[in-house]
Protein backbone atom coordinates (compact mmCIF):
# COMPACT_ATOMS: atom_id res chain seq x y z
CA MET A 1 1.50 -0.21 18.54
CA ASP A 2 0.43 3.42 18.66
CA VAL A 3 -3.32 4.06 18.44
CA ILE A 4 -5.22 7.31 18.89
CA PHE A 5 -8.92 7.34 19.89
CA GLY A 6 -11.09 10.33 20.71
CA MET A 7 -12.43 10.57 24.26
CA ASN A 8 -16.03 10.37 22.99
CA TRP A 9 -15.27 7.04 21.31
CA LEU A 10 -13.51 5.67 24.40
CA GLU A 11 -16.39 6.67 26.66
CA PHE A 12 -19.08 5.39 24.29
CA ASN A 13 -17.37 2.00 23.99
CA ARG A 14 -16.51 1.77 27.73
CA VAL A 15 -12.80 1.27 27.10
CA HIS A 16 -10.57 1.02 30.20
CA ILE A 17 -7.03 2.45 30.01
CA ASN A 18 -4.42 1.54 32.62
CA CYS A 19 -1.47 3.86 32.03
CA CYS A 20 0.72 2.26 34.72
CA LYS A 21 0.44 -1.21 33.20
CA LYS A 22 0.28 0.23 29.67
CA THR A 23 -2.84 -1.75 28.86
CA VAL A 24 -6.12 -0.99 27.13
CA LEU A 25 -9.16 -3.18 27.80
CA PHE A 26 -11.91 -3.36 25.18
CA PRO A 27 -14.99 -5.10 26.64
CA ARG A 28 -16.78 -7.65 24.48
CA PRO A 29 -19.84 -6.17 22.76
CA GLU A 30 -23.24 -7.19 24.12
CA GLN A 31 -24.54 -7.63 20.61
CA GLU A 32 -22.84 -8.75 17.45
CA LEU A 33 -21.34 -5.75 15.72
CA SER A 34 -20.58 -5.58 12.05
CA SER A 35 -17.36 -3.91 11.05
CA LYS A 36 -16.25 -3.32 7.54
CA LEU A 37 -13.53 -1.53 5.74
CA MET A 38 -14.65 1.60 3.91
CA CYS A 39 -13.12 3.16 0.86
CA CYS A 40 -12.17 6.83 1.07
CA ARG A 41 -15.28 7.82 -0.96
CA GLU A 42 -17.55 6.13 1.62
CA VAL A 43 -15.72 7.82 4.50
CA ALA A 44 -16.01 11.23 2.82
CA ARG A 45 -19.75 10.69 2.24
CA SER A 46 -20.31 9.60 5.87
CA VAL A 47 -18.41 12.61 7.23
CA LYS A 48 -20.26 14.97 4.87
CA THR A 49 -23.65 13.68 6.08
CA GLN A 50 -22.44 13.98 9.70
CA GLU A 51 -22.75 10.26 10.48
CA ASP A 52 -20.83 8.82 13.43
CA VAL A 53 -17.60 7.45 12.02
CA PHE A 54 -14.90 5.80 14.12
CA ALA A 55 -11.51 5.09 12.61
CA MET A 56 -8.55 3.18 13.91
CA PHE A 57 -5.05 3.41 12.55
CA ALA A 58 -2.54 0.94 13.90
CA SER A 59 0.89 -0.36 13.10
CA LEU A 60 2.72 -3.40 14.37
CA ARG A 61 6.47 -3.83 14.34
CA MET A 62 7.95 -7.30 14.74
CA GLU A 63 11.32 -7.60 16.43
CA GLU A 64 11.84 -11.10 15.03
CA LYS A 65 10.78 -12.87 11.90
CA ALA A 66 7.46 -14.63 12.55
CA GLU A 67 5.26 -16.94 10.55
CA VAL A 68 1.65 -15.88 10.00
CA ASP A 69 0.23 -18.97 11.73
CA THR A 70 2.24 -18.23 14.92
CA LEU A 71 0.93 -14.66 15.41
């Protein structure tokens, strides 16, 4: 999975990257966070009004056929 985050986002969210082990540790949030998917119109409006917007794009490639309940 290839993911790109900005350094400001990584620092703000206290993410730990271990390049040698090729791991990324996301600590559990102290408070319950709400996340939602936004349509492109909502993203454009948020960017235009200079709100803080964090986006994540990820892809997952399976080497073998897997059932959804086993993932």
